[in-house]
Amino acid sequence: MGYNEALAARVRRALSSRSDVAEKPMFGGLTFMVARNMCCGVIKDELMIRLAPQTVLAALASPHIRNCDFTRRPMPGFFIAAAEGCIDQKDVDRWVELALKHALSLPPK
């Protein structure tokens, strides 16, 4: 499948202040783990973010975000930001910050 290298670079930039980031191939793209918990990932030209399972789409207030359903069923807490919502660093920083906050709230592995 592959992933957008430019988007992955923007995610790396958003996480650059952290020393506990690991990149792993997953979901046919590239996943960013923080403190050994999944934080976000790049799949094709889109950004997948992991948030609390009770997060609802409306709370994210963006026309570029949707529920993650590549398993053909919505995955609670997983959302996809379309390529149009990840064009500039400011947008990626916003999504990654939300995902990072959630990843850091999880028990360490």
PDB file of N, CA and C in Angstrom:
ATOM      1  N   MET A   1       0.810  -1.193   0.000  1.00  0.00           N
ATOM      2  CA  MET A   1       0.000   0.000   0.000  1.00  0.00           C
ATOM      3  C   MET A   1       0.852   1.255   0.000  1.00  0.00           C
ATOM      4  N   GLY A   2       1.757   1.399   0.942  1.00  0.00           N
ATOM      5  CA  GLY A   2       2.597   2.568   1.009  1.00  0.00           C
ATOM      6  C   GLY A   2       1.961   3.717   1.764  1.00  0.00           C
ATOM      7  N   TYR A   3       2.752   4.779   1.866  1.00  0.00           N
ATOM      8  CA  TYR A   3       2.279   5.962   2.579  1.00  0.00           C
ATOM      9  C   TYR A   3       2.981   7.194   2.031  1.00  0.00           C
ATOM     10  N   ASN A   4       2.382   8.338   2.286  1.00  0.00           N
ATOM     11  CA  ASN A   4       2.882   9.623   1.823  1.00  0.00           C
ATOM     12  C   ASN A   4       4.082  10.037   2.679  1.00  0.00           C
ATOM     13  N   GLU A   5       5.257  10.079   2.073  1.00  0.00           N
ATOM     14  CA  GLU A   5       6.488  10.422   2.799  1.00  0.00           C
ATOM     15  C   GLU A   5       6.463  11.856   3.335  1.00  0.00           C
ATOM     16  N   ALA A   6       5.853  12.771   2.572  1.00  0.00           N
ATOM     17  CA  ALA A   6       5.795  14.171   3.032  1.00  0.00           C
ATOM     18  C   ALA A   6       4.929  14.285   4.283  1.00  0.00           C
ATOM     19  N   LEU A   7       3.823  13.559   4.314  1.00  0.00           N
ATOM     20  CA  LEU A   7       2.967  13.570   5.497  1.00  0.00           C
ATOM     21  C   LEU A   7       3.690  12.917   6.676  1.00  0.00           C
ATOM     22  N   ALA A   8       4.383  11.826   6.427  1.00  0.00           N
ATOM     23  CA  ALA A   8       5.157  11.175   7.497  1.00  0.00           C
ATOM     24  C   ALA A   8       6.207  12.135   8.049  1.00  0.00           C
ATOM     25  N   ALA A   9       6.824  12.938   7.189  1.00  0.00           N
ATOM     26  CA  ALA A   9       7.816  13.921   7.647  1.00  0.00           C
ATOM     27  C   ALA A   9       7.159  14.982   8.528  1.00  0.00           C
ATOM     28  N   ARG A  10       5.932  15.396   8.190  1.00  0.00           N
ATOM     29  CA  ARG A  10       5.228  16.371   9.020  1.00  0.00           C
ATOM     30  C   ARG A  10       4.905  15.768  10.388  1.00  0.00           C
ATOM     31  N   VAL A  11       4.532  14.485  10.418  1.00  0.00           N
ATOM     32  CA  VAL A  11       4.271  13.813  11.705  1.00  0.00           C
ATOM     33  C   VAL A  11       5.561  13.739  12.509  1.00  0.00           C
ATOM     34  N   ARG A  12       6.665  13.381  11.852  1.00  0.00           N
ATOM     35  CA  ARG A  12       7.951  13.327  12.564  1.00  0.00           C
ATOM     36  C   ARG A  12       8.284  14.679  13.169  1.00  0.00           C
ATOM     37  N   ARG A  13       8.044  15.746  12.413  1.00  0.00           N
ATOM     38  CA  ARG A  13       8.296  17.093  12.903  1.00  0.00           C
ATOM     39  C   ARG A  13       7.426  17.382  14.135  1.00  0.00           C
ATOM     40  N   ALA A  14       6.170  16.969  14.083  1.00  0.00           N
ATOM     41  CA  ALA A  14       5.255  17.205  15.207  1.00  0.00           C
ATOM     42  C   ALA A  14       5.699  16.456  16.465  1.00  0.00           C
ATOM     43  N   LEU A  15       6.373  15.339  16.290  1.00  0.00           N
ATOM     44  CA  LEU A  15       6.805  14.514  17.421  1.00  0.00           C
ATOM     45  C   LEU A  15       8.297  14.674  17.734  1.00  0.00           C
ATOM     46  N   SER A  16       8.963  15.599  17.070  1.00  0.00           N
ATOM     47  CA  SER A  16      10.424  15.698  17.145  1.00  0.00           C
ATOM     48  C   SER A  16      10.977  16.022  18.533  1.00  0.00           C
ATOM     49  N   SER A  17      10.191  16.585  19.406  1.00  0.00           N
ATOM     50  CA  SER A  17      10.691  16.923  20.747  1.00  0.00           C
ATOM     51  C   SER A  17      10.711  15.719  21.683  1.00  0.00           C
ATOM     52  N   ARG A  18      10.176  14.609  21.235  1.00  0.00           N
ATOM     53  CA  ARG A  18      10.065  13.417  22.090  1.00  0.00           C
ATOM     54  C   ARG A  18      11.169  12.418  21.773  1.00  0.00           C
ATOM     55  N   SER A  19      11.640  11.734  22.794  1.00  0.00           N
ATOM     56  CA  SER A  19      12.669  10.706  22.597  1.00  0.00           C
ATOM     57  C   SER A  19      12.084   9.297  22.649  1.00  0.00           C
ATOM     58  N   ASP A  20      10.779   9.191  22.889  1.00  0.00           N
ATOM     59  CA  ASP A  20      10.147   7.881  23.053  1.00  0.00           C
ATOM     60  C   ASP A  20       9.255   7.506  21.872  1.00  0.00           C
ATOM     61  N   VAL A  21       9.617   7.961  20.681  1.00  0.00           N
ATOM     62  CA  VAL A  21       8.832   7.682  19.477  1.00  0.00           C
ATOM     63  C   VAL A  21       9.495   6.554  18.696  1.00  0.00           C
ATOM     64  N   ALA A  22       8.684   5.621  18.271  1.00  0.00           N
ATOM     65  CA  ALA A  22       9.160   4.535  17.406  1.00  0.00           C
ATOM     66  C   ALA A  22       8.221   4.444  16.212  1.00  0.00           C
ATOM     67  N   GLU A  23       8.789   4.150  15.062  1.00  0.00           N
ATOM     68  CA  GLU A  23       7.998   3.987  13.849  1.00  0.00           C
ATOM     69  C   GLU A  23       7.916   2.503  13.515  1.00  0.00           C
ATOM     70  N   LYS A  24       6.709   2.059  13.160  1.00  0.00           N
ATOM     71  CA  LYS A  24       6.505   0.649  12.813  1.00  0.00           C
ATOM     72  C   LYS A  24       5.583   0.545  11.614  1.00  0.00           C
ATOM     73  N   PRO A  25       5.901  -0.346  10.691  1.00  0.00           N
ATOM     74  CA  PRO A  25       4.945  -0.589   9.606  1.00  0.00           C
ATOM     75  C   PRO A  25       3.710  -1.283  10.177  1.00  0.00           C
ATOM     76  N   MET A  26       2.551  -0.742   9.881  1.00  0.00           N
ATOM     77  CA  MET A  26       1.307  -1.302  10.399  1.00  0.00           C
ATOM     78  C   MET A  26       0.151  -0.781   9.557  1.00  0.00           C
ATOM     79  N   PHE A  27      -0.903  -1.540   9.432  1.00  0.00           N
ATOM     80  CA  PHE A  27      -2.106  -1.139   8.698  1.00  0.00           C
ATOM     81  C   PHE A  27      -1.793  -0.769   7.249  1.00  0.00           C
ATOM     82  N   GLY A  28      -0.731  -1.317   6.681  1.00  0.00           N
ATOM     83  CA  GLY A  28      -0.357  -0.997   5.311  1.00  0.00           C
ATOM     84  C   GLY A  28       0.292   0.357   5.170  1.00  0.00           C
ATOM     85  N   GLY A  29       0.688   0.966   6.262  1.00  0.00           N
ATOM     86  CA  GLY A  29       1.327   2.274   6.238  1.00  0.00           C
ATOM     87  C   GLY A  29       2.404   2.336   7.302  1.00  0.00           C
ATOM     88  N   LEU A  30       2.543   3.489   7.919  1.00  0.00           N
ATOM     89  CA  LEU A  30       3.555   3.700   8.946  1.00  0.00           C
ATOM     90  C   LEU A  30       2.862   4.198  10.210  1.00  0.00           C
ATOM     91  N   THR A  31       3.119   3.531  11.326  1.00  0.00           N
ATOM     92  CA  THR A  31       2.508   3.892  12.601  1.00  0.00           C
ATOM     93  C   THR A  31       3.569   4.487  13.518  1.00  0.00           C
ATOM     94  N   PHE A  32       3.165   5.506  14.262  1.00  0.00           N
ATOM     95  CA  PHE A  32       4.049   6.156  15.224  1.00  0.00           C
ATOM     96  C   PHE A  32       3.603   5.755  16.621  1.00  0.00           C
ATOM     97  N   MET A  33       4.513   5.117  17.333  1.00  0.00           N
ATOM     98  CA  MET A  33       4.268   4.678  18.696  1.00  0.00           C
ATOM     99  C   MET A  33       4.935   5.682  19.637  1.00  0.00           C
ATOM    100  N   VAL A  34       4.256   6.035  20.709  1.00  0.00           N
ATOM    101  CA  VAL A  34       4.813   6.932  21.724  1.00  0.00           C
ATOM    102  C   VAL A  34       4.700   6.215  23.056  1.00  0.00           C
ATOM    103  N   ALA A  35       5.822   6.099  23.738  1.00  0.00           N
ATOM    104  CA  ALA A  35       5.863   5.355  24.998  1.00  0.00           C
ATOM    105  C   ALA A  35       5.281   3.957  24.799  1.00  0.00           C
ATOM    106  N   ARG A  36       5.551   3.384  23.636  1.00  0.00           N
ATOM    107  CA  ARG A  36       5.139   2.021  23.239  1.00  0.00           C
ATOM    108  C   ARG A  36       3.630   1.885  23.039  1.00  0.00           C
ATOM    109  N   ASN A  37       2.897   2.982  22.996  1.00  0.00           N
ATOM    110  CA  ASN A  37       1.463   2.974  22.693  1.00  0.00           C
ATOM    111  C   ASN A  37       1.250   3.614  21.325  1.00  0.00           C
ATOM    112  N   MET A  38       0.312   3.079  20.564  1.00  0.00           N
ATOM    113  CA  MET A  38       0.019   3.653  19.269  1.00  0.00           C
ATOM    114  C   MET A  38      -0.521   5.070  19.426  1.00  0.00           C
ATOM    115  N   CYS A  39       0.033   5.984  18.657  1.00  0.00           N
ATOM    116  CA  CYS A  39      -0.379   7.383  18.703  1.00  0.00           C
ATOM    117  C   CYS A  39      -1.107   7.759  17.412  1.00  0.00           C
ATOM    118  N   CYS A  40      -0.443   7.583  16.283  1.00  0.00           N
ATOM    119  CA  CYS A  40      -1.009   7.979  15.000  1.00  0.00           C
ATOM    120  C   CYS A  40      -0.291   7.217  13.887  1.00  0.00           C
ATOM    121  N   GLY A  41      -0.765   7.395  12.684  1.00  0.00           N
ATOM    122  CA  GLY A  41      -0.128   6.714  11.568  1.00  0.00           C
ATOM    123  C   GLY A  41      -0.468   7.364  10.240  1.00  0.00           C
ATOM    124  N   VAL A  42       0.311   7.035   9.244  1.00  0.00           N
ATOM    125  CA  VAL A  42       0.088   7.532   7.891  1.00  0.00           C
ATOM    126  C   VAL A  42      -0.268   6.336   7.023  1.00  0.00           C
ATOM    127  N   ILE A  43      -1.431   6.395   6.410  1.00  0.00           N
ATOM    128  CA  ILE A  43      -1.905   5.349   5.504  1.00  0.00           C
ATOM    129  C   ILE A  43      -2.224   6.020   4.180  1.00  0.00           C
ATOM    130  N   LYS A  44      -1.484   5.644   3.162  1.00  0.00           N
ATOM    131  CA  LYS A  44      -1.578   6.305   1.859  1.00  0.00           C
ATOM    132  C   LYS A  44      -1.337   7.799   2.057  1.00  0.00           C
ATOM    133  N   ASP A  45      -2.326   8.637   1.737  1.00  0.00           N
ATOM    134  CA  ASP A  45      -2.175  10.089   1.866  1.00  0.00           C
ATOM    135  C   ASP A  45      -2.934  10.655   3.055  1.00  0.00           C
ATOM    136  N   GLU A  46      -3.299   9.811   3.998  1.00  0.00           N
ATOM    137  CA  GLU A  46      -4.134  10.253   5.114  1.00  0.00           C
ATOM    138  C   GLU A  46      -3.470   9.966   6.457  1.00  0.00           C
ATOM    139  N   LEU A  47      -3.916  10.701   7.453  1.00  0.00           N
ATOM    140  CA  LEU A  47      -3.395  10.555   8.808  1.00  0.00           C
ATOM    141  C   LEU A  47      -4.426   9.856   9.676  1.00  0.00           C
ATOM    142  N   MET A  48      -4.024   8.779  10.309  1.00  0.00           N
ATOM    143  CA  MET A  48      -4.892   8.089  11.252  1.00  0.00           C
ATOM    144  C   MET A  48      -4.472   8.527  12.656  1.00  0.00           C
ATOM    145  N   ILE A  49      -5.457   8.905  13.464  1.00  0.00           N
ATOM    146  CA  ILE A  49      -5.162   9.284  14.847  1.00  0.00           C
ATOM    147  C   ILE A  49      -5.952   8.395  15.790  1.00  0.00           C
ATOM    148  N   ARG A  50      -5.346   8.129  16.932  1.00  0.00           N
ATOM    149  CA  ARG A  50      -6.007   7.325  17.959  1.00  0.00           C
ATOM    150  C   ARG A  50      -6.359   8.237  19.122  1.00  0.00           C
ATOM    151  N   LEU A  51      -7.630   8.244  19.467  1.00  0.00           N
ATOM    152  CA  LEU A  51      -8.128   9.054  20.573  1.00  0.00           C
ATOM    153  C   LEU A  51      -8.889   8.154  21.543  1.00  0.00           C
ATOM    154  N   ALA A  52      -9.425   8.722  22.575  1.00  0.00           N
ATOM    155  CA  ALA A  52     -10.211   7.940  23.536  1.00  0.00           C
ATOM    156  C   ALA A  52     -11.389   7.289  22.814  1.00  0.00           C
ATOM    157  N   PRO A  53     -11.736   6.050  23.163  1.00  0.00           N
ATOM    158  CA  PRO A  53     -12.823   5.346  22.482  1.00  0.00           C
ATOM    159  C   PRO A  53     -14.158   6.079  22.525  1.00  0.00           C
ATOM    160  N   GLN A  54     -14.396   6.899  23.525  1.00  0.00           N
ATOM    161  CA  GLN A  54     -15.672   7.607  23.625  1.00  0.00           C
ATOM    162  C   GLN A  54     -15.693   8.902  22.793  1.00  0.00           C
ATOM    163  N   THR A  55     -14.607   9.252  22.129  1.00  0.00           N
ATOM    164  CA  THR A  55     -14.571  10.460  21.297  1.00  0.00           C
ATOM    165  C   THR A  55     -15.550  10.318  20.140  1.00  0.00           C
ATOM    166  N   VAL A  56     -16.317  11.364  19.912  1.00  0.00           N
ATOM    167  CA  VAL A  56     -17.278  11.356  18.802  1.00  0.00           C
ATOM    168  C   VAL A  56     -16.781  12.279  17.702  1.00  0.00           C
ATOM    169  N   LEU A  57     -17.130  11.943  16.499  1.00  0.00           N
ATOM    170  CA  LEU A  57     -16.685  12.676  15.320  1.00  0.00           C
ATOM    171  C   LEU A  57     -17.021  14.165  15.411  1.00  0.00           C
ATOM    172  N   ALA A  58     -18.216  14.488  15.857  1.00  0.00           N
ATOM    173  CA  ALA A  58     -18.646  15.890  15.932  1.00  0.00           C
ATOM    174  C   ALA A  58     -17.728  16.725  16.824  1.00  0.00           C
ATOM    175  N   ALA A  59     -17.131  16.119  17.831  1.00  0.00           N
ATOM    176  CA  ALA A  59     -16.260  16.849  18.745  1.00  0.00           C
ATOM    177  C   ALA A  59     -14.983  17.328  18.068  1.00  0.00           C
ATOM    178  N   LEU A  60     -14.626  16.720  16.948  1.00  0.00           N
ATOM    179  CA  LEU A  60     -13.385  17.084  16.266  1.00  0.00           C
ATOM    180  C   LEU A  60     -13.558  18.266  15.321  1.00  0.00           C
ATOM    181  N   ALA A  61     -14.787  18.614  15.030  1.00  0.00           N
ATOM    182  CA  ALA A  61     -15.137  19.831  14.292  1.00  0.00           C
ATOM    183  C   ALA A  61     -14.257  20.109  13.074  1.00  0.00           C
ATOM    184  N   SER A  62     -14.206  19.176  12.173  1.00  0.00           N
ATOM    185  CA  SER A  62     -13.453  19.384  10.938  1.00  0.00           C
ATOM    186  C   SER A  62     -14.138  18.651   9.792  1.00  0.00           C
ATOM    187  N   PRO A  63     -14.220  19.294   8.636  1.00  0.00           N
ATOM    188  CA  PRO A  63     -14.808  18.607   7.480  1.00  0.00           C
ATOM    189  C   PRO A  63     -13.865  17.546   6.897  1.00  0.00           C
ATOM    190  N   HIS A  64     -12.621  17.536   7.373  1.00  0.00           N
ATOM    191  CA  HIS A  64     -11.618  16.627   6.816  1.00  0.00           C
ATOM    192  C   HIS A  64     -11.409  15.370   7.644  1.00  0.00           C
ATOM    193  N   ILE A  65     -12.177  15.190   8.691  1.00  0.00           N
ATOM    194  CA  ILE A  65     -11.983  14.024   9.554  1.00  0.00           C
ATOM    195  C   ILE A  65     -13.198  13.119   9.488  1.00  0.00           C
ATOM    196  N   ARG A  66     -12.931  11.823   9.561  1.00  0.00           N
ATOM    197  CA  ARG A  66     -14.013  10.841   9.532  1.00  0.00           C
ATOM    198  C   ARG A  66     -13.635   9.678  10.441  1.00  0.00           C
ATOM    199  N   ASN A  67     -14.634   8.865  10.748  1.00  0.00           N
ATOM    200  CA  ASN A  67     -14.366   7.656  11.519  1.00  0.00           C
ATOM    201  C   ASN A  67     -13.502   6.718  10.690  1.00  0.00           C
ATOM    202  N   CYS A  68     -12.625   6.020  11.358  1.00  0.00           N
ATOM    203  CA  CYS A  68     -11.792   5.023  10.693  1.00  0.00           C
ATOM    204  C   CYS A  68     -12.613   3.747  10.554  1.00  0.00           C
ATOM    205  N   ASP A  69     -12.779   3.300   9.338  1.00  0.00           N
ATOM    206  CA  ASP A  69     -13.585   2.093   9.121  1.00  0.00           C
ATOM    207  C   ASP A  69     -12.985   1.191   8.049  1.00  0.00           C
ATOM    208  N   PHE A  70     -11.665   1.160   7.952  1.00  0.00           N
ATOM    209  CA  PHE A  70     -11.088   0.325   6.906  1.00  0.00           C
ATOM    210  C   PHE A  70     -11.263  -1.162   7.179  1.00  0.00           C
ATOM    211  N   THR A  71     -11.757  -1.501   8.344  1.00  0.00           N
ATOM    212  CA  THR A  71     -12.117  -2.895   8.616  1.00  0.00           C
ATOM    213  C   THR A  71     -13.582  -3.145   8.262  1.00  0.00           C
ATOM    214  N   ARG A  72     -14.210  -2.146   7.648  1.00  0.00           N
ATOM    215  CA  ARG A  72     -15.628  -2.136   7.261  1.00  0.00           C
ATOM    216  C   ARG A  72     -16.576  -1.935   8.437  1.00  0.00           C
ATOM    217  N   ARG A  73     -16.009  -1.706   9.606  1.00  0.00           N
ATOM    218  CA  ARG A  73     -16.783  -1.330  10.786  1.00  0.00           C
ATOM    219  C   ARG A  73     -16.037  -0.179  11.452  1.00  0.00           C
ATOM    220  N   PRO A  74     -16.758   0.821  11.931  1.00  0.00           N
ATOM    221  CA  PRO A  74     -16.063   1.912  12.634  1.00  0.00           C
ATOM    222  C   PRO A  74     -15.259   1.356  13.816  1.00  0.00           C
ATOM    223  N   MET A  75     -14.053   1.857  13.964  1.00  0.00           N
ATOM    224  CA  MET A  75     -13.185   1.447  15.064  1.00  0.00           C
ATOM    225  C   MET A  75     -13.245   2.540  16.131  1.00  0.00           C
ATOM    226  N   PRO A  76     -13.845   2.280  17.282  1.00  0.00           N
ATOM    227  CA  PRO A  76     -13.965   3.313  18.314  1.00  0.00           C
ATOM    228  C   PRO A  76     -12.605   3.929  18.660  1.00  0.00           C
ATOM    229  N   GLY A  77     -12.558   5.244  18.644  1.00  0.00           N
ATOM    230  CA  GLY A  77     -11.336   5.956  19.014  1.00  0.00           C
ATOM    231  C   GLY A  77     -10.342   6.161  17.883  1.00  0.00           C
ATOM    232  N   PHE A  78     -10.622   5.637  16.715  1.00  0.00           N
ATOM    233  CA  PHE A  78      -9.714   5.804  15.582  1.00  0.00           C
ATOM    234  C   PHE A  78     -10.392   6.667  14.525  1.00  0.00           C
ATOM    235  N   PHE A  79      -9.649   7.673  14.039  1.00  0.00           N
ATOM    236  CA  PHE A  79     -10.182   8.616  13.074  1.00  0.00           C
ATOM    237  C   PHE A  79      -9.170   8.831  11.957  1.00  0.00           C
ATOM    238  N   ILE A  80      -9.677   9.214  10.799  1.00  0.00           N
ATOM    239  CA  ILE A  80      -8.841   9.481   9.636  1.00  0.00           C
ATOM    240  C   ILE A  80      -8.986  10.949   9.262  1.00  0.00           C
ATOM    241  N   ALA A  81      -7.862  11.644   9.169  1.00  0.00           N
ATOM    242  CA  ALA A  81      -7.839  13.005   8.643  1.00  0.00           C
ATOM    243  C   ALA A  81      -7.442  12.886   7.173  1.00  0.00           C
ATOM    244  N   ALA A  82      -8.334  13.325   6.283  1.00  0.00           N
ATOM    245  CA  ALA A  82      -8.086  13.259   4.852  1.00  0.00           C
ATOM    246  C   ALA A  82      -6.871  14.102   4.481  1.00  0.00           C
ATOM    247  N   ALA A  83      -6.309  13.816   3.325  1.00  0.00           N
ATOM    248  CA  ALA A  83      -5.127  14.532   2.844  1.00  0.00           C
ATOM    249  C   ALA A  83      -5.338  16.046   2.886  1.00  0.00           C
ATOM    250  N   GLU A  84      -6.544  16.496   2.538  1.00  0.00           N
ATOM    251  CA  GLU A  84      -6.835  17.933   2.534  1.00  0.00           C
ATOM    252  C   GLU A  84      -6.738  18.550   3.930  1.00  0.00           C
ATOM    253  N   GLY A  85      -6.892  17.757   4.945  1.00  0.00           N
ATOM    254  CA  GLY A  85      -6.806  18.238   6.318  1.00  0.00           C
ATOM    255  C   GLY A  85      -5.428  18.104   6.915  1.00  0.00           C
ATOM    256  N   CYS A  86      -4.443  17.713   6.095  1.00  0.00           N
ATOM    257  CA  CYS A  86      -3.071  17.499   6.580  1.00  0.00           C
ATOM    258  C   CYS A  86      -2.037  18.177   5.689  1.00  0.00           C
ATOM    259  N   ILE A  87      -2.471  19.183   4.945  1.00  0.00           N
ATOM    260  CA  ILE A  87      -1.581  19.813   3.977  1.00  0.00           C
ATOM    261  C   ILE A  87      -0.469  20.609   4.639  1.00  0.00           C
ATOM    262  N   ASP A  88      -0.799  21.339   5.686  1.00  0.00           N
ATOM    263  CA  ASP A  88       0.267  22.138   6.310  1.00  0.00           C
ATOM    264  C   ASP A  88       0.612  21.617   7.701  1.00  0.00           C
ATOM    265  N   GLN A  89       1.762  22.031   8.171  1.00  0.00           N
ATOM    266  CA  GLN A  89       2.282  21.549   9.455  1.00  0.00           C
ATOM    267  C   GLN A  89       1.344  21.886  10.607  1.00  0.00           C
ATOM    268  N   LYS A  90       0.708  23.037  10.557  1.00  0.00           N
ATOM    269  CA  LYS A  90      -0.202  23.450  11.635  1.00  0.00           C
ATOM    270  C   LYS A  90      -1.347  22.446  11.814  1.00  0.00           C
ATOM    271  N   ASP A  91      -1.911  21.978  10.699  1.00  0.00           N
ATOM    272  CA  ASP A  91      -2.995  21.001  10.776  1.00  0.00           C
ATOM    273  C   ASP A  91      -2.500  19.678  11.338  1.00  0.00           C
ATOM    274  N   VAL A  92      -1.357  19.218  10.854  1.00  0.00           N
ATOM    275  CA  VAL A  92      -0.798  17.951  11.348  1.00  0.00           C
ATOM    276  C   VAL A  92      -0.475  18.074  12.831  1.00  0.00           C
ATOM    277  N   ASP A  93       0.097  19.204  13.226  1.00  0.00           N
ATOM    278  CA  ASP A  93       0.411  19.414  14.642  1.00  0.00           C
ATOM    279  C   ASP A  93      -0.850  19.289  15.496  1.00  0.00           C
ATOM    280  N   ARG A  94      -1.958  19.837  15.029  1.00  0.00           N
ATOM    281  CA  ARG A  94      -3.219  19.767  15.792  1.00  0.00           C
ATOM    282  C   ARG A  94      -3.649  18.321  15.995  1.00  0.00           C
ATOM    283  N   TRP A  95      -3.680  17.548  14.915  1.00  0.00           N
ATOM    284  CA  TRP A  95      -4.126  16.153  15.007  1.00  0.00           C
ATOM    285  C   TRP A  95      -3.169  15.321  15.849  1.00  0.00           C
ATOM    286  N   VAL A  96      -1.882  15.502  15.623  1.00  0.00           N
ATOM    287  CA  VAL A  96      -0.892  14.715  16.372  1.00  0.00           C
ATOM    288  C   VAL A  96      -0.949  15.073  17.857  1.00  0.00           C
ATOM    289  N   GLU A  97      -1.153  16.336  18.189  1.00  0.00           N
ATOM    290  CA  GLU A  97      -1.244  16.730  19.598  1.00  0.00           C
ATOM    291  C   GLU A  97      -2.411  16.037  20.296  1.00  0.00           C
ATOM    292  N   LEU A  98      -3.546  15.954  19.620  1.00  0.00           N
ATOM    293  CA  LEU A  98      -4.696  15.243  20.197  1.00  0.00           C
ATOM    294  C   LEU A  98      -4.360  13.764  20.417  1.00  0.00           C
ATOM    295  N   ALA A  99      -3.754  13.153  19.423  1.00  0.00           N
ATOM    296  CA  ALA A  99      -3.399  11.731  19.529  1.00  0.00           C
ATOM    297  C   ALA A  99      -2.322  11.511  20.588  1.00  0.00           C
ATOM    298  N   LEU A 100      -1.363  12.413  20.658  1.00  0.00           N
ATOM    299  CA  LEU A 100      -0.295  12.301  21.644  1.00  0.00           C
ATOM    300  C   LEU A 100      -0.850  12.391  23.064  1.00  0.00           C
ATOM    301  N   LYS A 101      -1.747  13.305  23.268  1.00  0.00           N
ATOM    302  CA  LYS A 101      -2.372  13.449  24.601  1.00  0.00           C
ATOM    303  C   LYS A 101      -3.030  12.132  25.018  1.00  0.00           C
ATOM    304  N   HIS A 102      -3.726  11.491  24.074  1.00  0.00           N
ATOM    305  CA  HIS A 102      -4.355  10.223  24.404  1.00  0.00           C
ATOM    306  C   HIS A 102      -3.321   9.126  24.652  1.00  0.00           C
ATOM    307  N   ALA A 103      -2.318   9.028  23.794  1.00  0.00           N
ATOM    308  CA  ALA A 103      -1.290   7.992  23.949  1.00  0.00           C
ATOM    309  C   ALA A 103      -0.599   8.102  25.306  1.00  0.00           C
ATOM    310  N   LEU A 104      -0.354   9.325  25.741  1.00  0.00           N
ATOM    311  CA  LEU A 104       0.321   9.522  27.029  1.00  0.00           C
ATOM    312  C   LEU A 104      -0.589   9.269  28.220  1.00  0.00           C
ATOM    313  N   SER A 105      -1.897   9.208  27.979  1.00  0.00           N
ATOM    314  CA  SER A 105      -2.839   8.906  29.063  1.00  0.00           C
ATOM    315  C   SER A 105      -2.965   7.407  29.316  1.00  0.00           C
ATOM    316  N   LEU A 106      -2.452   6.616  28.390  1.00  0.00           N
ATOM    317  CA  LEU A 106      -2.549   5.149  28.509  1.00  0.00           C
ATOM    318  C   LEU A 106      -1.465   4.612  29.435  1.00  0.00           C
ATOM    319  N   PRO A 107      -1.724   3.476  30.063  1.00  0.00           N
ATOM    320  CA  PRO A 107      -0.686   2.868  30.908  1.00  0.00           C
ATOM    321  C   PRO A 107       0.534   2.504  30.052  1.00  0.00           C
ATOM    322  N   PRO A 108       1.725   2.701  30.579  1.00  0.00           N
ATOM    323  CA  PRO A 108       2.923   2.332  29.813  1.00  0.00           C
ATOM    324  C   PRO A 108       2.975   0.833  29.586  1.00  0.00           C
ATOM    325  N   LYS A 109       3.524   0.475  28.462  1.00  0.00           N
ATOM    326  CA  LYS A 109       3.669  -0.968  28.133  1.00  0.00           C
ATOM    327  C   LYS A 109       5.098  -1.396  28.345  1.00  0.00           C
TER     328      LYS A 109
END
